Amino acid sequence: GRCRELLIPGAPVLLQYHPEPGRKTQYTLTHVQKGERLVHIDSQAPNRLVEEALRQGRLTLPGLGTPQLIRPETFYGESRFDFYMEAGEKKAFAEVKGVTLEQDGWARFPDAPTERGVKHLKHLACAAAQGYLCYAIFVIQMSGIKGFSPNWSTHPAFGEALLQAKDAGVIPLAFETQVQPQRVELAGPVMIDYRKGRKEPC
């Protein structure tokens, strides 16, 4: 995302030193402090955290159970999903989105319009119609969150696509993370508020 609400003058940040040749800089920006929250902004982390939790048995997806097969970056037709999984006879796809935007204690996605995100949801809905278990997993890269909501003000089409995917059988899930300077770990699920007055328990 653009992280405009995080990367403001004077905001404390954490950097990792990477002196490898060929890099434009020797440092990678990994965390930003926003008020009392430490926000992890590594865009590669959400997929890694989900895969780690699945393989360690700390994350059980509704209807799937513990997968015996976890295959990252798998094509389905013209789509490429973050994960393909099998548990017994059950087959599943999952798409993971990292969330760094927080407003009034609520995590929101996206922080900028994302046609790619809309396309992913539509493709998940198509896979669900073919009998696959399908999940849209939102990894909130901070803790202490009230819940998750689509960012209707920034990209209403994404919110509509999420509702349509849900109605088609896709299972949206949102998890916060425990963020420390040296470690980030997937934590518990949080409520999803699809729109004002329309809430579902996690």
N, C-alpha and C. Protein backbone atom coordinates (compact mmCIF):
# COMPACT_ATOMS: atom_id res chain seq x y z
N GLY A 1 0.81 -1.19 0.00
CA GLY A 1 0.00 0.00 0.00
C GLY A 1 0.86 1.25 0.00
N ARG A 2 0.20 2.38 0.01
CA ARG A 2 0.93 3.64 -0.06
C ARG A 2 1.44 4.10 1.30
N CYS A 3 0.75 3.68 2.37
CA CYS A 3 1.19 3.99 3.74
C CYS A 3 1.31 5.49 3.99
N ARG A 4 0.48 6.28 3.31
CA ARG A 4 0.60 7.73 3.46
C ARG A 4 0.30 8.19 4.88
N GLU A 5 -0.61 7.48 5.56
CA GLU A 5 -0.97 7.89 6.92
C GLU A 5 0.09 7.48 7.92
N LEU A 6 1.04 6.63 7.51
CA LEU A 6 2.10 6.17 8.41
C LEU A 6 3.41 6.92 8.18
N LEU A 7 3.78 7.09 6.93
CA LEU A 7 5.09 7.67 6.61
C LEU A 7 4.99 9.19 6.55
N ILE A 8 4.90 9.77 7.75
CA ILE A 8 4.79 11.21 7.88
C ILE A 8 6.05 11.74 8.56
N PRO A 9 6.40 13.00 8.33
CA PRO A 9 7.62 13.55 8.94
C PRO A 9 7.61 13.39 10.46
N GLY A 10 8.71 12.90 10.99
CA GLY A 10 8.85 12.74 12.43
C GLY A 10 8.41 11.41 12.98
N ALA A 11 7.80 10.56 12.15
CA ALA A 11 7.34 9.26 12.64
C ALA A 11 8.54 8.35 12.92
N PRO A 12 8.62 7.76 14.12
CA PRO A 12 9.71 6.83 14.41
C PRO A 12 9.59 5.58 13.54
N VAL A 13 10.71 5.10 13.04
CA VAL A 13 10.71 3.91 12.19
C VAL A 13 11.82 2.96 12.64
N LEU A 14 11.70 1.71 12.20
CA LEU A 14 12.74 0.71 12.40
C LEU A 14 13.27 0.27 11.04
N LEU A 15 14.57 0.11 10.95
CA LEU A 15 15.22 -0.31 9.72
C LEU A 15 16.01 -1.59 9.95
N GLN A 16 16.12 -2.40 8.89
CA GLN A 16 17.01 -3.56 8.92
C GLN A 16 18.18 -3.29 7.99
N TYR A 17 19.37 -3.66 8.46
CA TYR A 17 20.59 -3.43 7.69
C TYR A 17 20.80 -4.56 6.70
N HIS A 18 20.87 -4.22 5.41
CA HIS A 18 21.09 -5.21 4.36
C HIS A 18 22.17 -4.66 3.42
N PRO A 19 23.43 -4.98 3.69
CA PRO A 19 24.52 -4.39 2.90
C PRO A 19 24.83 -5.12 1.59
N GLU A 20 23.88 -5.91 1.06
CA GLU A 20 24.16 -6.68 -0.15
C GLU A 20 24.45 -5.76 -1.34
N PRO A 21 25.37 -6.17 -2.20
CA PRO A 21 25.66 -5.36 -3.40
C PRO A 21 24.45 -5.35 -4.34
N GLY A 22 24.31 -4.25 -5.05
CA GLY A 22 23.23 -4.14 -6.02
C GLY A 22 21.98 -3.47 -5.48
N ARG A 23 21.88 -3.32 -4.16
CA ARG A 23 20.72 -2.63 -3.58
C ARG A 23 20.88 -1.12 -3.73
N LYS A 24 19.75 -0.44 -3.85
CA LYS A 24 19.78 1.02 -3.92
C LYS A 24 20.21 1.62 -2.59
N THR A 25 19.77 1.00 -1.49
CA THR A 25 20.18 1.44 -0.16
C THR A 25 20.62 0.21 0.64
N GLN A 26 21.24 0.45 1.77
CA GLN A 26 21.69 -0.66 2.62
C GLN A 26 20.69 -0.97 3.73
N TYR A 27 19.53 -0.34 3.68
CA TYR A 27 18.54 -0.53 4.75
C TYR A 27 17.16 -0.82 4.16
N THR A 28 16.38 -1.60 4.91
CA THR A 28 14.99 -1.87 4.57
C THR A 28 14.10 -1.34 5.68
N LEU A 29 13.10 -0.55 5.32
CA LEU A 29 12.15 -0.02 6.29
C LEU A 29 11.15 -1.13 6.64
N THR A 30 11.06 -1.50 7.92
CA THR A 30 10.21 -2.63 8.32
C THR A 30 9.06 -2.24 9.24
N HIS A 31 9.23 -1.23 10.09
CA HIS A 31 8.21 -0.86 11.07
C HIS A 31 8.06 0.66 11.12
N VAL A 32 6.84 1.09 11.44
CA VAL A 32 6.56 2.50 11.69
C VAL A 32 5.75 2.60 12.97
N GLN A 33 6.11 3.53 13.83
CA GLN A 33 5.34 3.77 15.04
C GLN A 33 4.22 4.76 14.74
N LYS A 34 2.97 4.35 15.06
CA LYS A 34 1.82 5.25 14.92
C LYS A 34 1.12 5.32 16.26
N GLY A 35 1.31 6.41 16.97
CA GLY A 35 0.76 6.52 18.32
C GLY A 35 1.37 5.46 19.21
N GLU A 36 0.53 4.64 19.83
CA GLU A 36 1.02 3.57 20.70
C GLU A 36 1.27 2.27 19.94
N ARG A 37 0.93 2.24 18.67
CA ARG A 37 1.04 1.01 17.89
C ARG A 37 2.32 0.98 17.06
N LEU A 38 2.93 -0.20 17.03
CA LEU A 38 4.03 -0.46 16.13
C LEU A 38 3.46 -1.23 14.94
N VAL A 39 3.57 -0.65 13.75
CA VAL A 39 2.98 -1.24 12.55
C VAL A 39 4.08 -1.84 11.69
N HIS A 40 3.90 -3.08 11.33
CA HIS A 40 4.86 -3.78 10.47
C HIS A 40 4.46 -3.56 9.02
N ILE A 41 5.34 -3.05 8.19
CA ILE A 41 4.95 -2.68 6.84
C ILE A 41 5.66 -3.50 5.76
N ASP A 42 6.28 -4.60 6.14
CA ASP A 42 6.90 -5.49 5.15
C ASP A 42 5.79 -6.16 4.34
N SER A 43 5.74 -5.89 3.05
CA SER A 43 4.65 -6.42 2.21
C SER A 43 4.74 -7.92 1.99
N GLN A 44 5.91 -8.50 2.23
CA GLN A 44 6.08 -9.95 2.05
C GLN A 44 5.68 -10.73 3.30
N ALA A 45 5.54 -10.05 4.42
CA ALA A 45 5.32 -10.75 5.69
C ALA A 45 3.98 -11.47 5.79
N PRO A 46 2.85 -10.89 5.35
CA PRO A 46 1.57 -11.57 5.56
C PRO A 46 1.53 -13.00 5.01
N ASN A 47 2.01 -13.21 3.79
CA ASN A 47 2.02 -14.56 3.23
C ASN A 47 2.90 -15.49 4.05
N ARG A 48 4.04 -14.97 4.46
CA ARG A 48 4.96 -15.78 5.25
C ARG A 48 4.35 -16.17 6.59
N LEU A 49 3.65 -15.23 7.22
CA LEU A 49 3.04 -15.50 8.52
C LEU A 49 1.91 -16.53 8.41
N VAL A 50 1.10 -16.41 7.35
CA VAL A 50 0.02 -17.38 7.15
C VAL A 50 0.58 -18.76 6.88
N GLU A 51 1.56 -18.85 6.02
CA GLU A 51 2.15 -20.16 5.72
C GLU A 51 2.78 -20.78 6.97
N GLU A 52 3.49 -19.97 7.73
CA GLU A 52 4.11 -20.46 8.96
C GLU A 52 3.06 -20.99 9.93
N ALA A 53 1.98 -20.24 10.11
CA ALA A 53 0.93 -20.65 11.05
C ALA A 53 0.21 -21.91 10.57
N LEU A 54 0.00 -22.03 9.26
CA LEU A 54 -0.63 -23.23 8.71
C LEU A 54 0.24 -24.46 8.93
N ARG A 55 1.52 -24.33 8.63
CA ARG A 55 2.43 -25.48 8.74
C ARG A 55 2.65 -25.89 10.19
N GLN A 56 2.56 -24.93 11.10
CA GLN A 56 2.74 -25.24 12.52
C GLN A 56 1.45 -25.66 13.20
N GLY A 57 0.34 -25.64 12.47
CA GLY A 57 -0.94 -26.03 13.04
C GLY A 57 -1.56 -24.98 13.94
N ARG A 58 -1.07 -23.74 13.88
CA ARG A 58 -1.63 -22.66 14.70
C ARG A 58 -2.80 -21.96 14.01
N LEU A 59 -2.97 -22.23 12.73
CA LEU A 59 -4.07 -21.62 11.97
C LEU A 59 -4.89 -22.74 11.34
N THR A 60 -6.15 -22.81 11.74
CA THR A 60 -7.08 -23.78 11.17
C THR A 60 -8.17 -23.03 10.43
N LEU A 61 -8.31 -23.30 9.16
CA LEU A 61 -9.30 -22.59 8.34
C LEU A 61 -10.65 -23.29 8.41
N PRO A 62 -11.73 -22.53 8.59
CA PRO A 62 -13.07 -23.12 8.73
C PRO A 62 -13.42 -24.03 7.55
N GLY A 63 -13.87 -25.23 7.86
CA GLY A 63 -14.27 -26.16 6.82
C GLY A 63 -13.16 -26.99 6.23
N LEU A 64 -11.92 -26.59 6.48
CA LEU A 64 -10.78 -27.30 5.89
C LEU A 64 -10.04 -28.17 6.89
N GLY A 65 -9.87 -27.66 8.11
CA GLY A 65 -9.07 -28.39 9.08
C GLY A 65 -7.59 -28.19 8.81
N THR A 66 -6.78 -29.15 9.19
CA THR A 66 -5.33 -29.05 9.02
C THR A 66 -4.93 -29.60 7.66
N PRO A 67 -4.40 -28.76 6.78
CA PRO A 67 -4.04 -29.24 5.44
C PRO A 67 -2.80 -30.12 5.45
N GLN A 68 -2.84 -31.18 4.65
CA GLN A 68 -1.66 -32.02 4.47
C GLN A 68 -0.75 -31.48 3.37
N LEU A 69 -1.35 -30.71 2.47
CA LEU A 69 -0.58 -30.11 1.38
C LEU A 69 -0.80 -28.60 1.40
N ILE A 70 0.30 -27.86 1.37
CA ILE A 70 0.24 -26.39 1.28
C ILE A 70 1.19 -25.98 0.16
N ARG A 71 0.63 -25.42 -0.90
CA ARG A 71 1.46 -25.06 -2.06
C ARG A 71 1.29 -23.57 -2.34
N PRO A 72 2.34 -22.78 -2.12
CA PRO A 72 2.24 -21.33 -2.39
C PRO A 72 2.20 -21.04 -3.90
N GLU A 73 1.65 -19.88 -4.22
CA GLU A 73 1.68 -19.34 -5.58
C GLU A 73 1.25 -20.37 -6.62
N THR A 74 -0.03 -20.70 -6.59
CA THR A 74 -0.57 -21.75 -7.46
C THR A 74 -1.56 -21.16 -8.46
N PHE A 75 -1.42 -21.57 -9.71
CA PHE A 75 -2.32 -21.10 -10.76
C PHE A 75 -3.62 -21.90 -10.78
N TYR A 76 -4.71 -21.19 -11.05
CA TYR A 76 -6.01 -21.80 -11.28
C TYR A 76 -6.61 -21.07 -12.47
N GLY A 77 -6.58 -21.71 -13.63
CA GLY A 77 -6.96 -21.01 -14.84
C GLY A 77 -5.99 -19.86 -15.09
N GLU A 78 -6.54 -18.67 -15.25
CA GLU A 78 -5.70 -17.50 -15.45
C GLU A 78 -5.34 -16.81 -14.14
N SER A 79 -5.80 -17.36 -13.04
CA SER A 79 -5.56 -16.76 -11.73
C SER A 79 -4.37 -17.42 -11.05
N ARG A 80 -3.69 -16.63 -10.25
CA ARG A 80 -2.64 -17.18 -9.39
C ARG A 80 -2.97 -16.79 -7.96
N PHE A 81 -3.26 -17.79 -7.15
CA PHE A 81 -3.62 -17.56 -5.76
C PHE A 81 -2.40 -17.76 -4.87
N ASP A 82 -2.45 -17.13 -3.69
CA ASP A 82 -1.31 -17.21 -2.78
C ASP A 82 -1.07 -18.63 -2.28
N PHE A 83 -2.17 -19.38 -2.04
CA PHE A 83 -2.01 -20.74 -1.52
C PHE A 83 -3.06 -21.68 -2.12
N TYR A 84 -2.60 -22.90 -2.41
CA TYR A 84 -3.49 -24.03 -2.70
C TYR A 84 -3.26 -25.05 -1.60
N MET A 85 -4.34 -25.61 -1.07
CA MET A 85 -4.23 -26.54 0.05
C MET A 85 -5.13 -27.75 -0.16
N GLU A 86 -4.72 -28.86 0.42
CA GLU A 86 -5.54 -30.06 0.43
C GLU A 86 -5.57 -30.64 1.83
N ALA A 87 -6.76 -31.07 2.24
CA ALA A 87 -6.94 -31.77 3.52
C ALA A 87 -7.90 -32.92 3.24
N GLY A 88 -7.36 -34.13 3.14
CA GLY A 88 -8.19 -35.25 2.74
C GLY A 88 -8.70 -35.02 1.32
N GLU A 89 -10.01 -35.09 1.15
CA GLU A 89 -10.61 -34.87 -0.16
C GLU A 89 -10.90 -33.39 -0.43
N LYS A 90 -10.69 -32.57 0.57
CA LYS A 90 -11.01 -31.15 0.43
C LYS A 90 -9.86 -30.39 -0.24
N LYS A 91 -10.23 -29.51 -1.15
CA LYS A 91 -9.25 -28.69 -1.85
C LYS A 91 -9.61 -27.22 -1.67
N ALA A 92 -8.59 -26.39 -1.50
CA ALA A 92 -8.87 -25.00 -1.14
C ALA A 92 -7.86 -24.04 -1.75
N PHE A 93 -8.32 -22.81 -1.95
CA PHE A 93 -7.45 -21.71 -2.34
C PHE A 93 -7.57 -20.60 -1.31
N ALA A 94 -6.48 -19.87 -1.13
CA ALA A 94 -6.50 -18.72 -0.22
C ALA A 94 -5.73 -17.56 -0.85
N GLU A 95 -6.27 -16.39 -0.69
CA GLU A 95 -5.60 -15.16 -1.10
C GLU A 95 -5.38 -14.33 0.15
N VAL A 96 -4.17 -13.80 0.32
CA VAL A 96 -3.78 -13.09 1.53
C VAL A 96 -3.54 -11.62 1.21
N LYS A 97 -4.07 -10.74 2.05
CA LYS A 97 -3.85 -9.31 1.90
C LYS A 97 -3.30 -8.73 3.20
N GLY A 98 -2.24 -7.97 3.10
CA GLY A 98 -1.69 -7.30 4.26
C GLY A 98 -2.39 -5.97 4.49
N VAL A 99 -2.68 -5.67 5.75
CA VAL A 99 -3.44 -4.46 6.10
C VAL A 99 -2.59 -3.59 7.03
N THR A 100 -2.31 -2.37 6.59
CA THR A 100 -1.52 -1.45 7.42
C THR A 100 -2.28 -0.17 7.77
N LEU A 101 -3.48 -0.01 7.22
CA LEU A 101 -4.27 1.19 7.49
C LEU A 101 -5.14 1.00 8.73
N GLU A 102 -5.05 1.93 9.66
CA GLU A 102 -5.88 1.92 10.87
C GLU A 102 -6.56 3.27 11.01
N GLN A 103 -7.88 3.25 11.24
CA GLN A 103 -8.65 4.47 11.45
C GLN A 103 -9.59 4.26 12.62
N ASP A 104 -9.43 5.06 13.66
CA ASP A 104 -10.30 4.99 14.84
C ASP A 104 -10.34 3.58 15.43
N GLY A 105 -9.21 2.91 15.42
CA GLY A 105 -9.12 1.58 16.02
C GLY A 105 -9.53 0.45 15.10
N TRP A 106 -9.97 0.77 13.88
CA TRP A 106 -10.39 -0.24 12.91
C TRP A 106 -9.35 -0.38 11.80
N ALA A 107 -9.04 -1.60 11.45
CA ALA A 107 -8.17 -1.86 10.32
C ALA A 107 -9.00 -1.84 9.05
N ARG A 108 -8.47 -1.21 8.00
CA ARG A 108 -9.23 -1.10 6.76
C ARG A 108 -8.34 -1.45 5.55
N PHE A 109 -8.97 -2.04 4.56
CA PHE A 109 -8.28 -2.40 3.32
C PHE A 109 -9.23 -2.13 2.16
N PRO A 110 -8.69 -1.56 1.07
CA PRO A 110 -7.30 -1.17 0.83
C PRO A 110 -7.04 0.27 1.26
N ASP A 111 -5.76 0.66 1.27
CA ASP A 111 -5.44 2.06 1.57
C ASP A 111 -5.32 2.88 0.30
N ALA A 112 -5.47 2.21 -0.85
CA ALA A 112 -5.49 2.86 -2.16
C ALA A 112 -6.28 1.94 -3.09
N PRO A 113 -6.92 2.48 -4.13
CA PRO A 113 -7.70 1.62 -5.03
C PRO A 113 -6.87 0.46 -5.57
N THR A 114 -7.46 -0.73 -5.61
CA THR A 114 -6.75 -1.92 -6.06
C THR A 114 -7.62 -2.77 -6.97
N GLU A 115 -7.49 -2.55 -8.26
CA GLU A 115 -8.23 -3.37 -9.22
C GLU A 115 -7.75 -4.82 -9.15
N ARG A 116 -6.48 -4.98 -8.83
CA ARG A 116 -5.93 -6.33 -8.69
C ARG A 116 -6.63 -7.08 -7.56
N GLY A 117 -6.88 -6.37 -6.45
CA GLY A 117 -7.58 -6.98 -5.33
C GLY A 117 -9.00 -7.38 -5.68
N VAL A 118 -9.68 -6.53 -6.46
CA VAL A 118 -11.04 -6.85 -6.91
C VAL A 118 -11.01 -8.10 -7.79
N LYS A 119 -10.03 -8.16 -8.68
CA LYS A 119 -9.91 -9.32 -9.58
C LYS A 119 -9.68 -10.60 -8.78
N HIS A 120 -8.84 -10.53 -7.76
CA HIS A 120 -8.58 -11.72 -6.94
C HIS A 120 -9.87 -12.23 -6.29
N LEU A 121 -10.69 -11.31 -5.79
CA LEU A 121 -11.93 -11.72 -5.14
C LEU A 121 -12.89 -12.36 -6.15
N LYS A 122 -12.96 -11.80 -7.34
CA LYS A 122 -13.83 -12.38 -8.37
C LYS A 122 -13.36 -13.78 -8.76
N HIS A 123 -12.05 -13.96 -8.86
CA HIS A 123 -11.52 -15.28 -9.21
C HIS A 123 -11.73 -16.29 -8.09
N LEU A 124 -11.62 -15.83 -6.84
CA LEU A 124 -11.94 -16.71 -5.72
C LEU A 124 -13.39 -17.16 -5.78
N ALA A 125 -14.28 -16.22 -6.11
CA ALA A 125 -15.70 -16.56 -6.21
C ALA A 125 -15.93 -17.60 -7.29
N CYS A 126 -15.21 -17.48 -8.40
CA CYS A 126 -15.34 -18.47 -9.48
C CYS A 126 -14.86 -19.84 -9.02
N ALA A 127 -13.75 -19.88 -8.28
CA ALA A 127 -13.24 -21.15 -7.77
C ALA A 127 -14.20 -21.76 -6.77
N ALA A 128 -14.82 -20.91 -5.94
CA ALA A 128 -15.80 -21.41 -4.97
C ALA A 128 -16.99 -22.04 -5.68
N ALA A 129 -17.38 -21.44 -6.82
CA ALA A 129 -18.50 -21.98 -7.59
C ALA A 129 -18.17 -23.34 -8.19
N GLN A 130 -16.87 -23.64 -8.33
CA GLN A 130 -16.43 -24.93 -8.86
C GLN A 130 -16.22 -25.97 -7.77
N GLY A 131 -16.54 -25.60 -6.53
CA GLY A 131 -16.48 -26.56 -5.44
C GLY A 131 -15.27 -26.48 -4.54
N TYR A 132 -14.38 -25.53 -4.80
CA TYR A 132 -13.22 -25.35 -3.93
C TYR A 132 -13.62 -24.55 -2.69
N LEU A 133 -12.99 -24.86 -1.57
CA LEU A 133 -13.07 -23.97 -0.41
C LEU A 133 -12.18 -22.77 -0.71
N CYS A 134 -12.67 -21.58 -0.48
CA CYS A 134 -11.91 -20.39 -0.82
C CYS A 134 -11.92 -19.39 0.33
N TYR A 135 -10.76 -18.80 0.57
CA TYR A 135 -10.59 -17.90 1.71
C TYR A 135 -9.93 -16.59 1.26
N ALA A 136 -10.45 -15.49 1.76
CA ALA A 136 -9.81 -14.19 1.63
C ALA A 136 -9.30 -13.83 3.03
N ILE A 137 -7.99 -13.87 3.21
CA ILE A 137 -7.39 -13.70 4.53
C ILE A 137 -6.74 -12.32 4.62
N PHE A 138 -7.19 -11.52 5.57
CA PHE A 138 -6.63 -10.19 5.79
C PHE A 138 -5.74 -10.23 7.03
N VAL A 139 -4.46 -10.00 6.82
CA VAL A 139 -3.49 -10.01 7.91
C VAL A 139 -3.23 -8.56 8.33
N ILE A 140 -3.71 -8.22 9.52
CA ILE A 140 -3.58 -6.86 10.04
C ILE A 140 -2.21 -6.74 10.70
N GLN A 141 -1.37 -5.89 10.17
CA GLN A 141 0.03 -5.86 10.57
C GLN A 141 0.28 -4.97 11.79
N MET A 142 -0.59 -5.18 12.79
CA MET A 142 -0.50 -4.47 14.06
C MET A 142 -1.43 -5.19 15.03
N SER A 143 -1.43 -4.77 16.28
CA SER A 143 -2.30 -5.38 17.29
C SER A 143 -3.16 -4.31 17.95
N GLY A 144 -4.08 -4.75 18.83
CA GLY A 144 -4.95 -3.82 19.53
C GLY A 144 -6.04 -3.22 18.67
N ILE A 145 -6.55 -4.01 17.73
CA ILE A 145 -7.53 -3.54 16.75
C ILE A 145 -8.94 -3.96 17.16
N LYS A 146 -9.92 -3.09 16.95
CA LYS A 146 -11.32 -3.43 17.24
C LYS A 146 -11.86 -4.44 16.25
N GLY A 147 -11.48 -4.30 14.99
CA GLY A 147 -11.98 -5.18 13.96
C GLY A 147 -11.48 -4.73 12.60
N PHE A 148 -11.99 -5.39 11.57
CA PHE A 148 -11.58 -5.10 10.20
C PHE A 148 -12.79 -4.69 9.37
N SER A 149 -12.58 -3.79 8.42
CA SER A 149 -13.64 -3.37 7.52
C SER A 149 -13.06 -3.05 6.15
N PRO A 150 -13.81 -3.34 5.09
CA PRO A 150 -13.39 -2.83 3.79
C PRO A 150 -13.36 -1.31 3.83
N ASN A 151 -12.46 -0.72 3.09
CA ASN A 151 -12.33 0.73 3.07
C ASN A 151 -13.28 1.31 2.01
N TRP A 152 -14.52 1.49 2.43
CA TRP A 152 -15.55 1.93 1.49
C TRP A 152 -15.26 3.31 0.91
N SER A 153 -14.66 4.19 1.69
CA SER A 153 -14.43 5.56 1.21
C SER A 153 -13.34 5.61 0.14
N THR A 154 -12.37 4.71 0.22
CA THR A 154 -11.26 4.73 -0.73
C THR A 154 -11.54 3.91 -1.98
N HIS A 155 -12.14 2.73 -1.81
CA HIS A 155 -12.41 1.87 -2.97
C HIS A 155 -13.68 1.07 -2.74
N PRO A 156 -14.84 1.69 -2.95
CA PRO A 156 -16.10 0.98 -2.72
C PRO A 156 -16.26 -0.27 -3.56
N ALA A 157 -15.63 -0.31 -4.73
CA ALA A 157 -15.74 -1.50 -5.59
C ALA A 157 -15.12 -2.72 -4.91
N PHE A 158 -14.09 -2.50 -4.10
CA PHE A 158 -13.49 -3.62 -3.38
C PHE A 158 -14.46 -4.14 -2.33
N GLY A 159 -15.11 -3.23 -1.61
CA GLY A 159 -16.08 -3.65 -0.61
C GLY A 159 -17.22 -4.44 -1.24
N GLU A 160 -17.71 -3.97 -2.39
CA GLU A 160 -18.78 -4.69 -3.08
C GLU A 160 -18.30 -6.05 -3.54
N ALA A 161 -17.07 -6.11 -4.05
CA ALA A 161 -16.52 -7.39 -4.51
C ALA A 161 -16.37 -8.37 -3.35
N LEU A 162 -16.01 -7.85 -2.17
CA LEU A 162 -15.87 -8.72 -1.00
C LEU A 162 -17.23 -9.29 -0.60
N LEU A 163 -18.26 -8.45 -0.61
CA LEU A 163 -19.60 -8.92 -0.28
C LEU A 163 -20.09 -9.95 -1.30
N GLN A 164 -19.84 -9.69 -2.57
CA GLN A 164 -20.25 -10.63 -3.62
C GLN A 164 -19.51 -11.95 -3.50
N ALA A 165 -18.21 -11.88 -3.19
CA ALA A 165 -17.43 -13.10 -3.02
C ALA A 165 -17.95 -13.90 -1.82
N LYS A 166 -18.25 -13.20 -0.75
CA LYS A 166 -18.79 -13.86 0.44
C LYS A 166 -20.11 -14.56 0.11
N ASP A 167 -20.98 -13.87 -0.62
CA ASP A 167 -22.26 -14.46 -1.00
C ASP A 167 -22.07 -15.68 -1.92
N ALA A 168 -20.94 -15.70 -2.65
CA ALA A 168 -20.65 -16.82 -3.56
C ALA A 168 -19.99 -17.99 -2.85
N GLY A 169 -19.70 -17.83 -1.55
CA GLY A 169 -19.12 -18.92 -0.79
C GLY A 169 -17.70 -18.71 -0.31
N VAL A 170 -17.07 -17.60 -0.72
CA VAL A 170 -15.73 -17.30 -0.21
C VAL A 170 -15.82 -16.93 1.27
N ILE A 171 -14.87 -17.40 2.06
CA ILE A 171 -14.87 -17.15 3.50
C ILE A 171 -13.85 -16.06 3.82
N PRO A 172 -14.28 -14.83 4.15
CA PRO A 172 -13.34 -13.80 4.57
C PRO A 172 -12.93 -14.01 6.03
N LEU A 173 -11.65 -13.83 6.30
CA LEU A 173 -11.11 -13.95 7.65
C LEU A 173 -10.14 -12.80 7.88
N ALA A 174 -10.08 -12.31 9.12
CA ALA A 174 -9.14 -11.24 9.46
C ALA A 174 -8.43 -11.60 10.75
N PHE A 175 -7.12 -11.41 10.77
CA PHE A 175 -6.30 -11.72 11.93
C PHE A 175 -5.38 -10.55 12.23
N GLU A 176 -5.24 -10.23 13.51
CA GLU A 176 -4.22 -9.25 13.86
C GLU A 176 -2.91 -9.97 14.11
N THR A 177 -1.85 -9.21 14.29
CA THR A 177 -0.54 -9.79 14.52
C THR A 177 0.06 -9.19 15.79
N GLN A 178 0.90 -9.96 16.42
CA GLN A 178 1.71 -9.47 17.53
C GLN A 178 3.02 -8.95 16.93
N VAL A 179 3.23 -7.65 17.05
CA VAL A 179 4.37 -7.01 16.40
C VAL A 179 5.38 -6.58 17.45
N GLN A 180 6.58 -7.10 17.32
CA GLN A 180 7.71 -6.70 18.14
C GLN A 180 8.85 -6.30 17.21
N PRO A 181 9.81 -5.55 17.71
CA PRO A 181 10.90 -5.12 16.83
C PRO A 181 11.63 -6.27 16.14
N GLN A 182 11.78 -7.40 16.84
CA GLN A 182 12.54 -8.52 16.28
C GLN A 182 11.67 -9.65 15.76
N ARG A 183 10.37 -9.61 16.02
CA ARG A 183 9.51 -10.73 15.60
C ARG A 183 8.08 -10.27 15.38
N VAL A 184 7.47 -10.85 14.36
CA VAL A 184 6.05 -10.63 14.07
C VAL A 184 5.39 -12.00 13.96
N GLU A 185 4.23 -12.16 14.60
CA GLU A 185 3.57 -13.46 14.62
C GLU A 185 2.07 -13.29 14.41
N LEU A 186 1.47 -14.19 13.64
CA LEU A 186 0.02 -14.16 13.46
C LEU A 186 -0.66 -14.42 14.79
N ALA A 187 -1.65 -13.60 15.11
CA ALA A 187 -2.35 -13.73 16.39
C ALA A 187 -3.81 -14.13 16.12
N GLY A 188 -4.72 -13.65 16.96
CA GLY A 188 -6.09 -14.12 16.90
C GLY A 188 -6.94 -13.42 15.85
N PRO A 189 -8.12 -14.01 15.57
CA PRO A 189 -9.05 -13.42 14.61
C PRO A 189 -9.74 -12.20 15.19
N VAL A 190 -10.17 -11.32 14.32
CA VAL A 190 -10.94 -10.14 14.73
C VAL A 190 -12.24 -10.08 13.93
N MET A 191 -13.20 -9.33 14.47
CA MET A 191 -14.49 -9.16 13.81
C MET A 191 -14.33 -8.47 12.46
N ILE A 192 -15.17 -8.86 11.52
CA ILE A 192 -15.25 -8.17 10.23
C ILE A 192 -16.57 -7.40 10.18
N ASP A 193 -16.46 -6.10 9.95
CA ASP A 193 -17.62 -5.23 9.78
C ASP A 193 -17.70 -4.89 8.30
N TYR A 194 -18.65 -5.49 7.60
CA TYR A 194 -18.71 -5.31 6.15
C TYR A 194 -19.22 -3.93 5.76
N ARG A 195 -20.10 -3.37 6.55
CA ARG A 195 -20.57 -2.00 6.35
C ARG A 195 -21.32 -1.58 7.61
N LYS A 196 -21.63 -0.32 7.68
CA LYS A 196 -22.26 0.21 8.89
C LYS A 196 -23.53 -0.58 9.24
N GLY A 197 -23.58 -1.05 10.49
CA GLY A 197 -24.75 -1.78 10.95
C GLY A 197 -24.79 -3.22 10.50
N ARG A 198 -23.71 -3.68 9.85
CA ARG A 198 -23.70 -5.05 9.35
C ARG A 198 -22.43 -5.72 9.83
N LYS A 199 -22.49 -6.39 10.96
CA LYS A 199 -21.32 -7.01 11.56
C LYS A 199 -21.54 -8.51 11.70
N GLU A 200 -20.45 -9.23 11.60
CA GLU A 200 -20.51 -10.67 11.82
C GLU A 200 -19.38 -11.03 12.77
N PRO A 201 -19.61 -11.98 13.66
CA PRO A 201 -18.52 -12.41 14.54
C PRO A 201 -17.41 -13.05 13.74
N CYS A 202 -16.20 -12.98 14.30
CA CYS A 202 -15.06 -13.56 13.60
C CYS A 202 -15.19 -15.08 13.57
